């Protein structure tokens, strides 16, 4: 997820919405939704680059 700083409240509730969808509609369709935030995704890429 990438978004401007002025939508922090919406960003903060998104993990709960994803969990709710995974328990309901996504589970019924045999799907799993996963939230990726650019902050943590970027850190993962940096850590992987150093391990290589």
C-alpha atoms as a PDB file:
ATOM      1  CA  UNK A   1       0.000   0.000   0.000  1.00  0.00           C
ATOM      2  CA  UNK A   2       1.281   3.404  -0.904  1.00  0.00           C
ATOM      3  CA  UNK A   3      -0.638   6.525  -0.012  1.00  0.00           C
ATOM      4  CA  UNK A   4      -0.163  10.126   1.057  1.00  0.00           C
ATOM      5  CA  UNK A   5       0.392  10.995   4.713  1.00  0.00           C
ATOM      6  CA  UNK A   6      -3.002  12.659   5.102  1.00  0.00           C
ATOM      7  CA  UNK A   7      -4.863   9.322   5.026  1.00  0.00           C
ATOM      8  CA  UNK A   8      -3.200   7.743   8.091  1.00  0.00           C
ATOM      9  CA  UNK A   9      -6.503   6.757   9.775  1.00  0.00           C
ATOM     10  CA  UNK A  10      -7.536   4.871   6.645  1.00  0.00           C
ATOM     11  CA  UNK A  11      -4.123   3.208   6.423  1.00  0.00           C
ATOM     12  CA  UNK A  12      -4.350   2.117  10.045  1.00  0.00           C
ATOM     13  CA  UNK A  13      -7.700   0.334   9.629  1.00  0.00           C
ATOM     14  CA  UNK A  14      -6.789  -1.411   6.387  1.00  0.00           C
ATOM     15  CA  UNK A  15      -5.185  -4.468   8.085  1.00  0.00           C
ATOM     16  CA  UNK A  16      -8.462  -5.092   9.942  1.00  0.00           C
ATOM     17  CA  UNK A  17     -10.434  -4.830   6.716  1.00  0.00           C
ATOM     18  CA  UNK A  18      -8.081  -7.288   4.983  1.00  0.00           C
ATOM     19  CA  UNK A  19      -8.465  -9.753   7.888  1.00  0.00           C
ATOM     20  CA  UNK A  20     -12.251  -9.438   7.746  1.00  0.00           C
ATOM     21  CA  UNK A  21     -12.267 -10.032   3.995  1.00  0.00           C
ATOM     22  CA  UNK A  22      -9.995 -13.068   4.420  1.00  0.00           C
ATOM     23  CA  UNK A  23     -12.408 -14.570   6.956  1.00  0.00           C
ATOM     24  CA  UNK A  24     -15.434 -13.900   4.757  1.00  0.00           C
ATOM     25  CA  UNK A  25     -15.616 -13.353   1.027  1.00  0.00           C
ATOM     26  CA  UNK A  26     -12.006 -14.301   0.286  1.00  0.00           C
ATOM     27  CA  UNK A  27     -12.300 -17.552   2.262  1.00  0.00           C
ATOM     28  CA  UNK A  28     -15.487 -18.440   0.392  1.00  0.00           C
ATOM     29  CA  UNK A  29     -13.616 -17.978  -2.890  1.00  0.00           C
ATOM     30  CA  UNK A  30     -10.499 -19.769  -1.558  1.00  0.00           C
ATOM     31  CA  UNK A  31      -8.402 -16.615  -1.773  1.00  0.00           C
ATOM     32  CA  UNK A  32      -5.983 -15.001   0.646  1.00  0.00           C
ATOM     33  CA  UNK A  33      -5.455 -11.248   0.589  1.00  0.00           C
ATOM     34  CA  UNK A  34      -2.141  -9.955   1.855  1.00  0.00           C
ATOM     35  CA  UNK A  35      -1.382  -6.338   2.655  1.00  0.00           C
ATOM     36  CA  UNK A  36       2.014  -5.055   1.577  1.00  0.00           C
ATOM     37  CA  UNK A  37       3.109  -1.679   2.777  1.00  0.00           C
ATOM     38  CA  UNK A  38       5.809   0.114   0.834  1.00  0.00           C
ATOM     39  CA  UNK A  39       7.657   0.856   4.074  1.00  0.00           C
ATOM     40  CA  UNK A  40       8.094  -2.787   5.021  1.00  0.00           C
ATOM     41  CA  UNK A  41       8.390  -3.999   1.437  1.00  0.00           C
ATOM     42  CA  UNK A  42      11.291  -1.628   0.871  1.00  0.00           C
ATOM     43  CA  UNK A  43      12.991  -2.853   4.050  1.00  0.00           C
ATOM     44  CA  UNK A  44      12.580  -6.471   2.917  1.00  0.00           C
ATOM     45  CA  UNK A  45      14.231  -5.690  -0.422  1.00  0.00           C
ATOM     46  CA  UNK A  46      17.118  -3.878   1.263  1.00  0.00           C
ATOM     47  CA  UNK A  47      17.699  -6.765   3.687  1.00  0.00           C
ATOM     48  CA  UNK A  48      17.610  -9.293   0.848  1.00  0.00           C
ATOM     49  CA  UNK A  49      20.117  -7.285  -1.187  1.00  0.00           C
ATOM     50  CA  UNK A  50      22.569  -7.335   1.710  1.00  0.00           C
ATOM     51  CA  UNK A  51      22.218 -11.100   2.141  1.00  0.00           C
ATOM     52  CA  UNK A  52      22.996 -11.859  -1.497  1.00  0.00           C
END
